[in-house]
Amino acid sequence: MKMALTAVVLGLMASSMSVAAETPIYGSQLMTQQERIEHRNKLRAAKTVEERDQVRLQHHEQMQLRAKEKGVTLPDAPPAMGGGQGRGMVGVGGMGPGPGRGANR
């Protein structure tokens, strides 16, 4: 039971990290690979949603400036803020027997 729970937790951690790595970065076409890594690290280091939003806003302003310098057009609106981790596994039951499945019906 404990090993199964550990496997589930590790699986969820790995999937959340891969999602973060796959999330598009505003203006990424104007960034080097190293800059994208550093930006993601800043987002991961932010302790609150507000801090992450501030990192995103500053990044958005920097990319707008860079785009203007290079003659490239980027969308004016910053990316949606406060996305966070999402709602998780909505509608999925836990690991217990649940109603109607165990010996205690």
Protein backbone atom coordinates (compact mmCIF):
# COMPACT_ATOMS: atom_id res chain seq x y z
CA MET A 1 0.00 0.00 0.00
CA LYS A 2 2.76 2.44 0.97
CA MET A 3 4.74 1.64 -2.20
CA ALA A 4 1.65 2.16 -4.36
CA LEU A 5 1.04 5.56 -2.78
CA THR A 6 4.68 6.51 -3.28
CA ALA A 7 4.47 5.49 -6.94
CA VAL A 8 1.33 7.61 -7.42
CA VAL A 9 2.93 10.65 -5.78
CA LEU A 10 6.12 10.31 -7.83
CA GLY A 11 4.07 9.91 -11.00
CA LEU A 12 2.08 13.06 -10.25
CA MET A 13 5.26 15.01 -9.51
CA ALA A 14 6.87 13.89 -12.76
CA SER A 15 3.79 14.76 -14.80
CA SER A 16 3.50 18.22 -13.21
CA MET A 17 7.17 18.91 -13.96
CA SER A 18 6.81 17.84 -17.57
CA VAL A 19 3.73 20.04 -17.94
CA ALA A 20 5.74 23.00 -16.63
CA ALA A 21 8.49 22.24 -19.12
CA GLU A 22 5.96 22.05 -21.98
CA THR A 23 4.01 25.21 -21.09
CA PRO A 24 4.60 27.79 -23.83
CA ILE A 25 6.60 30.83 -22.84
CA TYR A 26 5.48 34.21 -24.15
CA GLY A 27 7.99 35.37 -26.76
CA SER A 28 9.95 32.12 -26.61
CA GLN A 29 10.83 32.49 -30.30
CA LEU A 30 12.89 35.53 -29.28
CA MET A 31 14.72 33.72 -26.46
CA THR A 32 17.71 31.42 -26.29
CA GLN A 33 17.35 27.97 -24.75
CA GLN A 34 19.26 29.23 -21.69
CA GLU A 35 16.87 32.17 -21.28
CA ARG A 36 13.87 29.81 -21.41
CA ILE A 37 15.46 27.61 -18.73
CA GLU A 38 16.18 30.63 -16.53
CA HIS A 39 12.62 31.94 -16.96
CA ARG A 40 11.14 28.58 -15.94
CA ASN A 41 13.47 28.46 -12.93
CA LYS A 42 12.28 31.92 -11.85
CA LEU A 43 8.67 30.77 -12.12
CA ARG A 44 9.40 27.63 -10.08
CA ALA A 45 11.23 29.68 -7.44
CA ALA A 46 8.29 32.05 -6.95
CA LYS A 47 6.59 31.18 -3.68
CA THR A 48 3.14 32.66 -4.37
CA VAL A 49 0.79 33.10 -7.30
CA GLU A 50 1.38 36.84 -7.03
CA GLU A 51 5.16 36.38 -7.34
CA ARG A 52 4.69 34.16 -10.41
CA ASP A 53 2.36 36.73 -11.94
CA GLN A 54 4.97 39.44 -11.34
CA VAL A 55 7.68 37.32 -13.00
CA ARG A 56 5.36 36.77 -15.98
CA LEU A 57 4.49 40.47 -16.23
CA GLN A 58 8.16 41.53 -16.17
CA HIS A 59 8.97 38.86 -18.74
CA HIS A 60 6.09 40.04 -20.94
CA GLU A 61 7.41 43.61 -20.85
CA GLN A 62 10.95 42.44 -21.71
CA MET A 63 9.69 40.37 -24.64
CA GLN A 64 7.58 43.28 -25.95
CA LEU A 65 10.70 45.48 -25.89
CA ARG A 66 12.81 42.82 -27.59
CA ALA A 67 10.14 42.24 -30.24
CA LYS A 68 9.99 45.96 -30.98
CA GLU A 69 13.79 46.12 -31.33
CA LYS A 70 13.74 43.19 -33.77
CA GLY A 71 10.68 44.38 -35.69
CA VAL A 72 8.61 41.37 -34.63
CA THR A 73 4.96 41.54 -33.57
CA LEU A 74 3.83 39.74 -30.41
CA PRO A 75 0.30 39.77 -28.95
CA ASP A 76 -0.33 42.79 -26.72
CA ALA A 77 -2.16 40.97 -23.95
CA PRO A 78 -0.03 39.20 -21.36
CA PRO A 79 -0.69 35.48 -20.92
CA ALA A 80 -3.47 34.43 -18.56
CA MET A 81 -2.39 34.83 -14.96
CA GLY A 82 -2.97 32.72 -11.89
CA GLY A 83 -3.28 29.41 -13.70
CA GLY A 84 -1.44 27.54 -10.98
CA GLN A 85 -1.56 23.77 -10.71
CA GLY A 86 -5.15 23.43 -11.85
CA ARG A 87 -7.95 21.53 -10.18
CA GLY A 88 -6.21 18.19 -9.99
CA MET A 89 -7.94 14.89 -10.59
CA VAL A 90 -11.56 16.05 -10.35
CA GLY A 91 -14.10 13.25 -10.12
CA VAL A 92 -11.55 10.53 -9.46
CA GLY A 93 -12.11 8.59 -6.26
CA GLY A 94 -9.48 7.93 -3.65
CA MET A 95 -7.80 4.65 -2.85
CA GLY A 96 -10.34 3.48 -0.25
CA PRO A 97 -13.11 0.95 -0.86
CA GLY A 98 -15.70 3.69 -1.44
CA PRO A 99 -19.46 3.28 -1.27
CA GLY A 100 -20.76 -0.08 -2.41
CA ARG A 101 -17.40 -1.73 -3.04
CA GLY A 102 -16.15 -2.80 0.34
CA ALA A 103 -17.29 -5.36 2.90
CA ASN A 104 -19.08 -2.64 4.93
CA ARG A 105 -22.01 -2.01 2.60
